[in-house]
Amino acid sequence: MSQSKFILDKNKNLLVNEIIRFENLDSDFKKIAAKLRLKKGLPHANKSKNIEERGYQEVYCKESKKIIADLYADDIELLGYRFD
């Protein structure tokens, strides 16, 4: 499901103070954890080396990329990503 459905109200106003990007998950989470005085770290389960090493551009076929780009178009635009 599109993440924008969780972080925008019906008038498209942002409902959150911070957006943590997956590509910066570890460092962004540490900043938030420090603000909240959390002592536990963020576990990492089911790590996929294939995408991390090669990038999604080489892992997904053209048809899969189009499906994902269409499905998450709102998120891609809202968060300033490029998906090609």
PDB file of N, CA and C in Angstrom:
ATOM      1  N   MET A   1       0.837  -1.174   0.000  1.00  0.00           N
ATOM      2  CA  MET A   1       0.000   0.000   0.000  1.00  0.00           C
ATOM      3  C   MET A   1       0.890   1.249   0.000  1.00  0.00           C
ATOM      4  N   SER A   2       0.455   2.237  -0.677  1.00  0.00           N
ATOM      5  CA  SER A   2       1.179   3.497  -0.771  1.00  0.00           C
ATOM      6  C   SER A   2       1.385   4.110   0.609  1.00  0.00           C
ATOM      7  N   GLN A   3       2.592   4.544   0.899  1.00  0.00           N
ATOM      8  CA  GLN A   3       2.895   5.151   2.202  1.00  0.00           C
ATOM      9  C   GLN A   3       2.259   6.530   2.340  1.00  0.00           C
ATOM     10  N   SER A   4       2.006   7.194   1.228  1.00  0.00           N
ATOM     11  CA  SER A   4       1.397   8.520   1.301  1.00  0.00           C
ATOM     12  C   SER A   4       0.010   8.462   1.928  1.00  0.00           C
ATOM     13  N   LYS A   5      -0.650   7.322   1.857  1.00  0.00           N
ATOM     14  CA  LYS A   5      -1.965   7.167   2.483  1.00  0.00           C
ATOM     15  C   LYS A   5      -1.866   7.231   4.004  1.00  0.00           C
ATOM     16  N   PHE A   6      -0.708   6.930   4.546  1.00  0.00           N
ATOM     17  CA  PHE A   6      -0.495   6.957   5.981  1.00  0.00           C
ATOM     18  C   PHE A   6       0.025   8.299   6.485  1.00  0.00           C
ATOM     19  N   ILE A   7       0.665   9.062   5.616  1.00  0.00           N
ATOM     20  CA  ILE A   7       1.332  10.275   6.084  1.00  0.00           C
ATOM     21  C   ILE A   7       0.695  11.578   5.587  1.00  0.00           C
ATOM     22  N   LEU A   8      -0.374  11.464   4.796  1.00  0.00           N
ATOM     23  CA  LEU A   8      -1.087  12.653   4.324  1.00  0.00           C
ATOM     24  C   LEU A   8      -2.543  12.600   4.773  1.00  0.00           C
ATOM     25  N   ASP A   9      -3.102  13.764   5.112  1.00  0.00           N
ATOM     26  CA  ASP A   9      -4.526  13.789   5.418  1.00  0.00           C
ATOM     27  C   ASP A   9      -5.319  13.954   4.119  1.00  0.00           C
ATOM     28  N   LYS A  10      -6.616  14.064   4.231  1.00  0.00           N
ATOM     29  CA  LYS A  10      -7.462  14.137   3.026  1.00  0.00           C
ATOM     30  C   LYS A  10      -7.199  15.384   2.191  1.00  0.00           C
ATOM     31  N   ASN A  11      -6.584  16.421   2.805  1.00  0.00           N
ATOM     32  CA  ASN A  11      -6.239  17.644   2.080  1.00  0.00           C
ATOM     33  C   ASN A  11      -4.789  17.654   1.609  1.00  0.00           C
ATOM     34  N   LYS A  12      -4.132  16.489   1.720  1.00  0.00           N
ATOM     35  CA  LYS A  12      -2.742  16.300   1.293  1.00  0.00           C
ATOM     36  C   LYS A  12      -1.740  17.057   2.166  1.00  0.00           C
ATOM     37  N   ASN A  13      -2.109  17.306   3.427  1.00  0.00           N
ATOM     38  CA  ASN A  13      -1.195  17.906   4.390  1.00  0.00           C
ATOM     39  C   ASN A  13      -0.398  16.797   5.070  1.00  0.00           C
ATOM     40  N   LEU A  14       0.869  17.035   5.295  1.00  0.00           N
ATOM     41  CA  LEU A  14       1.740  16.064   5.927  1.00  0.00           C
ATOM     42  C   LEU A  14       1.359  15.892   7.393  1.00  0.00           C
ATOM     43  N   LEU A  15       1.217  14.640   7.823  1.00  0.00           N
ATOM     44  CA  LEU A  15       0.805  14.328   9.192  1.00  0.00           C
ATOM     45  C   LEU A  15       1.962  13.925  10.099  1.00  0.00           C
ATOM     46  N   VAL A  16       3.160  13.921   9.599  1.00  0.00           N
ATOM     47  CA  VAL A  16       4.318  13.474  10.368  1.00  0.00           C
ATOM     48  C   VAL A  16       5.349  14.590  10.457  1.00  0.00           C
ATOM     49  N   ASN A  17       6.196  14.508  11.492  1.00  0.00           N
ATOM     50  CA  ASN A  17       7.262  15.497  11.677  1.00  0.00           C
ATOM     51  C   ASN A  17       8.532  15.103  10.941  1.00  0.00           C
ATOM     52  N   GLU A  18       8.751  13.821  10.792  1.00  0.00           N
ATOM     53  CA  GLU A  18       9.977  13.316  10.172  1.00  0.00           C
ATOM     54  C   GLU A  18       9.627  12.223   9.171  1.00  0.00           C
ATOM     55  N   ILE A  19      10.398  12.156   8.103  1.00  0.00           N
ATOM     56  CA  ILE A  19      10.293  11.059   7.146  1.00  0.00           C
ATOM     57  C   ILE A  19      11.640  10.362   7.126  1.00  0.00           C
ATOM     58  N   ILE A  20      11.610   9.084   7.412  1.00  0.00           N
ATOM     59  CA  ILE A  20      12.828   8.281   7.404  1.00  0.00           C
ATOM     60  C   ILE A  20      12.883   7.555   6.069  1.00  0.00           C
ATOM     61  N   ARG A  21      13.954   7.760   5.348  1.00  0.00           N
ATOM     62  CA  ARG A  21      14.108   7.112   4.044  1.00  0.00           C
ATOM     63  C   ARG A  21      14.803   5.773   4.209  1.00  0.00           C
ATOM     64  N   PHE A  22      14.328   4.779   3.482  1.00  0.00           N
ATOM     65  CA  PHE A  22      14.884   3.438   3.622  1.00  0.00           C
ATOM     66  C   PHE A  22      16.376   3.405   3.319  1.00  0.00           C
ATOM     67  N   GLU A  23      16.801   4.168   2.317  1.00  0.00           N
ATOM     68  CA  GLU A  23      18.219   4.143   1.946  1.00  0.00           C
ATOM     69  C   GLU A  23      19.109   4.758   3.034  1.00  0.00           C
ATOM     70  N   ASN A  24      18.507   5.488   3.977  1.00  0.00           N
ATOM     71  CA  ASN A  24      19.225   6.070   5.112  1.00  0.00           C
ATOM     72  C   ASN A  24      18.668   5.527   6.431  1.00  0.00           C
ATOM     73  N   LEU A  25      18.069   4.371   6.381  1.00  0.00           N
ATOM     74  CA  LEU A  25      17.314   3.851   7.525  1.00  0.00           C
ATOM     75  C   LEU A  25      18.135   3.830   8.808  1.00  0.00           C
ATOM     76  N   ASP A  26      19.340   3.302   8.751  1.00  0.00           N
ATOM     77  CA  ASP A  26      20.140   3.172   9.962  1.00  0.00           C
ATOM     78  C   ASP A  26      20.465   4.531  10.568  1.00  0.00           C
ATOM     79  N   SER A  27      20.985   5.447   9.768  1.00  0.00           N
ATOM     80  CA  SER A  27      21.372   6.761  10.301  1.00  0.00           C
ATOM     81  C   SER A  27      20.151   7.593  10.703  1.00  0.00           C
ATOM     82  N   ASP A  28      19.082   7.554   9.903  1.00  0.00           N
ATOM     83  CA  ASP A  28      17.865   8.298  10.242  1.00  0.00           C
ATOM     84  C   ASP A  28      17.224   7.754  11.513  1.00  0.00           C
ATOM     85  N   PHE A  29      17.206   6.429  11.658  1.00  0.00           N
ATOM     86  CA  PHE A  29      16.622   5.834  12.859  1.00  0.00           C
ATOM     87  C   PHE A  29      17.428   6.231  14.095  1.00  0.00           C
ATOM     88  N   LYS A  30      18.748   6.258  13.975  1.00  0.00           N
ATOM     89  CA  LYS A  30      19.596   6.646  15.108  1.00  0.00           C
ATOM     90  C   LYS A  30      19.292   8.080  15.555  1.00  0.00           C
ATOM     91  N   LYS A  31      19.048   8.977  14.606  1.00  0.00           N
ATOM     92  CA  LYS A  31      18.708  10.363  14.947  1.00  0.00           C
ATOM     93  C   LYS A  31      17.380  10.432  15.706  1.00  0.00           C
ATOM     94  N   ILE A  32      16.384   9.705  15.204  1.00  0.00           N
ATOM     95  CA  ILE A  32      15.073   9.685  15.862  1.00  0.00           C
ATOM     96  C   ILE A  32      15.185   9.027  17.229  1.00  0.00           C
ATOM     97  N   ALA A  33      15.912   7.913  17.308  1.00  0.00           N
ATOM     98  CA  ALA A  33      16.091   7.203  18.577  1.00  0.00           C
ATOM     99  C   ALA A  33      16.756   8.104  19.613  1.00  0.00           C
ATOM    100  N   ALA A  34      17.728   8.899  19.186  1.00  0.00           N
ATOM    101  CA  ALA A  34      18.401   9.816  20.107  1.00  0.00           C
ATOM    102  C   ALA A  34      17.418  10.872  20.625  1.00  0.00           C
ATOM    103  N   LYS A  35      16.596  11.412  19.743  1.00  0.00           N
ATOM    104  CA  LYS A  35      15.597  12.409  20.151  1.00  0.00           C
ATOM    105  C   LYS A  35      14.616  11.820  21.164  1.00  0.00           C
ATOM    106  N   LEU A  36      14.255  10.540  20.959  1.00  0.00           N
ATOM    107  CA  LEU A  36      13.282   9.875  21.826  1.00  0.00           C
ATOM    108  C   LEU A  36      13.926   9.146  22.999  1.00  0.00           C
ATOM    109  N   ARG A  37      15.264   9.222  23.052  1.00  0.00           N
ATOM    110  CA  ARG A  37      16.038   8.554  24.097  1.00  0.00           C
ATOM    111  C   ARG A  37      15.788   7.050  24.135  1.00  0.00           C
ATOM    112  N   LEU A  38      15.722   6.447  22.957  1.00  0.00           N
ATOM    113  CA  LEU A  38      15.574   4.999  22.844  1.00  0.00           C
ATOM    114  C   LEU A  38      16.946   4.361  22.937  1.00  0.00           C
ATOM    115  N   LYS A  39      17.022   3.223  23.584  1.00  0.00           N
ATOM    116  CA  LYS A  39      18.317   2.563  23.758  1.00  0.00           C
ATOM    117  C   LYS A  39      18.508   1.380  22.832  1.00  0.00           C
ATOM    118  N   LYS A  40      17.445   0.859  22.272  1.00  0.00           N
ATOM    119  CA  LYS A  40      17.567  -0.306  21.390  1.00  0.00           C
ATOM    120  C   LYS A  40      17.780   0.143  19.953  1.00  0.00           C
ATOM    121  N   GLY A  41      18.508  -0.693  19.220  1.00  0.00           N
ATOM    122  CA  GLY A  41      18.738  -0.427  17.812  1.00  0.00           C
ATOM    123  C   GLY A  41      17.625  -1.017  16.957  1.00  0.00           C
ATOM    124  N   LEU A  42      17.794  -0.929  15.683  1.00  0.00           N
ATOM    125  CA  LEU A  42      16.820  -1.428  14.726  1.00  0.00           C
ATOM    126  C   LEU A  42      17.329  -2.732  14.132  1.00  0.00           C
ATOM    127  N   PRO A  43      16.616  -3.844  14.346  1.00  0.00           N
ATOM    128  CA  PRO A  43      17.085  -5.115  13.784  1.00  0.00           C
ATOM    129  C   PRO A  43      16.921  -5.139  12.272  1.00  0.00           C
ATOM    130  N   HIS A  44      17.700  -5.978  11.615  1.00  0.00           N
ATOM    131  CA  HIS A  44      17.605  -6.109  10.165  1.00  0.00           C
ATOM    132  C   HIS A  44      17.416  -7.586   9.834  1.00  0.00           C
ATOM    133  N   ALA A  45      16.199  -7.943   9.451  1.00  0.00           N
ATOM    134  CA  ALA A  45      15.872  -9.330   9.117  1.00  0.00           C
ATOM    135  C   ALA A  45      15.586  -9.446   7.628  1.00  0.00           C
ATOM    136  N   ASN A  46      15.794 -10.608   7.082  1.00  0.00           N
ATOM    137  CA  ASN A  46      15.483 -10.899   5.677  1.00  0.00           C
ATOM    138  C   ASN A  46      16.192  -9.959   4.698  1.00  0.00           C
ATOM    139  N   LYS A  47      17.430  -9.685   4.946  1.00  0.00           N
ATOM    140  CA  LYS A  47      18.210  -8.793   4.090  1.00  0.00           C
ATOM    141  C   LYS A  47      18.447  -9.423   2.721  1.00  0.00           C
ATOM    142  N   SER A  48      18.206  -8.661   1.676  1.00  0.00           N
ATOM    143  CA  SER A  48      18.391  -9.134   0.308  1.00  0.00           C
ATOM    144  C   SER A  48      19.684  -8.544  -0.253  1.00  0.00           C
ATOM    145  N   LYS A  49      20.671  -9.368  -0.463  1.00  0.00           N
ATOM    146  CA  LYS A  49      21.942  -8.886  -1.004  1.00  0.00           C
ATOM    147  C   LYS A  49      21.835  -8.591  -2.490  1.00  0.00           C
ATOM    148  N   ASN A  50      20.961  -9.298  -3.191  1.00  0.00           N
ATOM    149  CA  ASN A  50      20.846  -9.165  -4.634  1.00  0.00           C
ATOM    150  C   ASN A  50      20.523  -7.729  -5.045  1.00  0.00           C
ATOM    151  N   ILE A  51      19.500  -7.142  -4.450  1.00  0.00           N
ATOM    152  CA  ILE A  51      19.104  -5.778  -4.809  1.00  0.00           C
ATOM    153  C   ILE A  51      20.134  -4.789  -4.286  1.00  0.00           C
ATOM    154  N   GLU A  52      20.610  -5.004  -3.075  1.00  0.00           N
ATOM    155  CA  GLU A  52      21.563  -4.079  -2.476  1.00  0.00           C
ATOM    156  C   GLU A  52      22.849  -3.994  -3.296  1.00  0.00           C
ATOM    157  N   GLU A  53      23.331  -5.111  -3.790  1.00  0.00           N
ATOM    158  CA  GLU A  53      24.577  -5.135  -4.549  1.00  0.00           C
ATOM    159  C   GLU A  53      24.406  -4.613  -5.974  1.00  0.00           C
ATOM    160  N   ARG A  54      23.291  -4.966  -6.606  1.00  0.00           N
ATOM    161  CA  ARG A  54      23.113  -4.626  -8.020  1.00  0.00           C
ATOM    162  C   ARG A  54      22.199  -3.438  -8.260  1.00  0.00           C
ATOM    163  N   GLY A  55      21.326  -3.098  -7.345  1.00  0.00           N
ATOM    164  CA  GLY A  55      20.361  -2.023  -7.552  1.00  0.00           C
ATOM    165  C   GLY A  55      19.112  -2.541  -8.241  1.00  0.00           C
ATOM    166  N   TYR A  56      17.987  -1.926  -7.946  1.00  0.00           N
ATOM    167  CA  TYR A  56      16.720  -2.394  -8.501  1.00  0.00           C
ATOM    168  C   TYR A  56      16.696  -2.326 -10.024  1.00  0.00           C
ATOM    169  N   GLN A  57      17.455  -1.382 -10.609  1.00  0.00           N
ATOM    170  CA  GLN A  57      17.438  -1.216 -12.058  1.00  0.00           C
ATOM    171  C   GLN A  57      17.850  -2.494 -12.779  1.00  0.00           C
ATOM    172  N   GLU A  58      18.729  -3.281 -12.170  1.00  0.00           N
ATOM    173  CA  GLU A  58      19.201  -4.515 -12.795  1.00  0.00           C
ATOM    174  C   GLU A  58      18.429  -5.747 -12.325  1.00  0.00           C
ATOM    175  N   VAL A  59      17.718  -5.640 -11.214  1.00  0.00           N
ATOM    176  CA  VAL A  59      17.036  -6.799 -10.639  1.00  0.00           C
ATOM    177  C   VAL A  59      15.633  -6.978 -11.231  1.00  0.00           C
ATOM    178  N   TYR A  60      14.915  -5.877 -11.437  1.00  0.00           N
ATOM    179  CA  TYR A  60      13.545  -5.950 -11.929  1.00  0.00           C
ATOM    180  C   TYR A  60      13.491  -5.775 -13.447  1.00  0.00           C
ATOM    181  N   CYS A  61      12.583  -6.508 -14.068  1.00  0.00           N
ATOM    182  CA  CYS A  61      12.384  -6.365 -15.509  1.00  0.00           C
ATOM    183  C   CYS A  61      11.587  -5.087 -15.788  1.00  0.00           C
ATOM    184  N   LYS A  62      11.525  -4.695 -17.037  1.00  0.00           N
ATOM    185  CA  LYS A  62      10.842  -3.466 -17.444  1.00  0.00           C
ATOM    186  C   LYS A  62       9.369  -3.481 -17.017  1.00  0.00           C
ATOM    187  N   GLU A  63       8.711  -4.606 -17.188  1.00  0.00           N
ATOM    188  CA  GLU A  63       7.296  -4.719 -16.829  1.00  0.00           C
ATOM    189  C   GLU A  63       7.101  -4.560 -15.315  1.00  0.00           C
ATOM    190  N   SER A  64       7.970  -5.176 -14.533  1.00  0.00           N
ATOM    191  CA  SER A  64       7.877  -5.062 -13.069  1.00  0.00           C
ATOM    192  C   SER A  64       8.098  -3.618 -12.628  1.00  0.00           C
ATOM    193  N   LYS A  65       9.068  -2.951 -13.231  1.00  0.00           N
ATOM    194  CA  LYS A  65       9.333  -1.552 -12.890  1.00  0.00           C
ATOM    195  C   LYS A  65       8.114  -0.685 -13.168  1.00  0.00           C
ATOM    196  N   LYS A  66       7.434  -0.928 -14.289  1.00  0.00           N
ATOM    197  CA  LYS A  66       6.246  -0.141 -14.635  1.00  0.00           C
ATOM    198  C   LYS A  66       5.133  -0.373 -13.624  1.00  0.00           C
ATOM    199  N   ILE A  67       4.912  -1.624 -13.245  1.00  0.00           N
ATOM    200  CA  ILE A  67       3.870  -1.948 -12.263  1.00  0.00           C
ATOM    201  C   ILE A  67       4.152  -1.220 -10.949  1.00  0.00           C
ATOM    202  N   ILE A  68       5.387  -1.285 -10.486  1.00  0.00           N
ATOM    203  CA  ILE A  68       5.767  -0.645  -9.228  1.00  0.00           C
ATOM    204  C   ILE A  68       5.656   0.871  -9.343  1.00  0.00           C
ATOM    205  N   ALA A  69       6.133   1.436 -10.443  1.00  0.00           N
ATOM    206  CA  ALA A  69       6.068   2.885 -10.646  1.00  0.00           C
ATOM    207  C   ALA A  69       4.620   3.369 -10.656  1.00  0.00           C
ATOM    208  N   ASP A  70       3.725   2.615 -11.276  1.00  0.00           N
ATOM    209  CA  ASP A  70       2.308   2.993 -11.309  1.00  0.00           C
ATOM    210  C   ASP A  70       1.672   2.863  -9.924  1.00  0.00           C
ATOM    211  N   LEU A  71       1.965   1.776  -9.247  1.00  0.00           N
ATOM    212  CA  LEU A  71       1.370   1.499  -7.942  1.00  0.00           C
ATOM    213  C   LEU A  71       1.802   2.535  -6.902  1.00  0.00           C
ATOM    214  N   TYR A  72       3.057   2.946  -6.956  1.00  0.00           N
ATOM    215  CA  TYR A  72       3.597   3.856  -5.951  1.00  0.00           C
ATOM    216  C   TYR A  72       3.879   5.256  -6.497  1.00  0.00           C
ATOM    217  N   ALA A  73       3.170   5.667  -7.523  1.00  0.00           N
ATOM    218  CA  ALA A  73       3.379   6.971  -8.157  1.00  0.00           C
ATOM    219  C   ALA A  73       3.246   8.118  -7.159  1.00  0.00           C
ATOM    220  N   ASP A  74       2.261   8.046  -6.270  1.00  0.00           N
ATOM    221  CA  ASP A  74       2.080   9.112  -5.276  1.00  0.00           C
ATOM    222  C   ASP A  74       3.288   9.221  -4.357  1.00  0.00           C
ATOM    223  N   ASP A  75       3.790   8.083  -3.887  1.00  0.00           N
ATOM    224  CA  ASP A  75       4.958   8.080  -3.001  1.00  0.00           C
ATOM    225  C   ASP A  75       6.193   8.610  -3.721  1.00  0.00           C
ATOM    226  N   ILE A  76       6.390   8.169  -4.939  1.00  0.00           N
ATOM    227  CA  ILE A  76       7.561   8.576  -5.721  1.00  0.00           C
ATOM    228  C   ILE A  76       7.569  10.091  -5.893  1.00  0.00           C
ATOM    229  N   GLU A  77       6.416  10.667  -6.212  1.00  0.00           N
ATOM    230  CA  GLU A  77       6.316  12.116  -6.392  1.00  0.00           C
ATOM    231  C   GLU A  77       6.462  12.851  -5.058  1.00  0.00           C
ATOM    232  N   LEU A  78       5.718  12.428  -4.045  1.00  0.00           N
ATOM    233  CA  LEU A  78       5.727  13.098  -2.744  1.00  0.00           C
ATOM    234  C   LEU A  78       7.117  13.129  -2.118  1.00  0.00           C
ATOM    235  N   LEU A  79       7.832  12.030  -2.223  1.00  0.00           N
ATOM    236  CA  LEU A  79       9.107  11.908  -1.549  1.00  0.00           C
ATOM    237  C   LEU A  79      10.309  12.264  -2.438  1.00  0.00           C
ATOM    238  N   GLY A  80      10.028  12.684  -3.672  1.00  0.00           N
ATOM    239  CA  GLY A  80      11.082  13.162  -4.555  1.00  0.00           C
ATOM    240  C   GLY A  80      11.985  12.099  -5.111  1.00  0.00           C
ATOM    241  N   TYR A  81      11.436  10.895  -5.291  1.00  0.00           N
ATOM    242  CA  TYR A  81      12.230   9.800  -5.861  1.00  0.00           C
ATOM    243  C   TYR A  81      12.114   9.771  -7.362  1.00  0.00           C
ATOM    244  N   ARG A  82      13.041   9.083  -8.000  1.00  0.00           N
ATOM    245  CA  ARG A  82      12.967   8.778  -9.437  1.00  0.00           C
ATOM    246  C   ARG A  82      12.940   7.268  -9.534  1.00  0.00           C
ATOM    247  N   PHE A  83      12.076   6.750 -10.341  1.00  0.00           N
ATOM    248  CA  PHE A  83      11.969   5.309 -10.513  1.00  0.00           C
ATOM    249  C   PHE A  83      11.932   5.002 -11.998  1.00  0.00           C
ATOM    250  N   ASP A  84      13.116   4.753 -12.557  1.00  0.00           N
ATOM    251  CA  ASP A  84      13.167   4.451 -13.994  1.00  0.00           C
ATOM    252  C   ASP A  84      14.169   3.366 -14.266  1.00  0.00           C
TER     253      ASP A  84
END
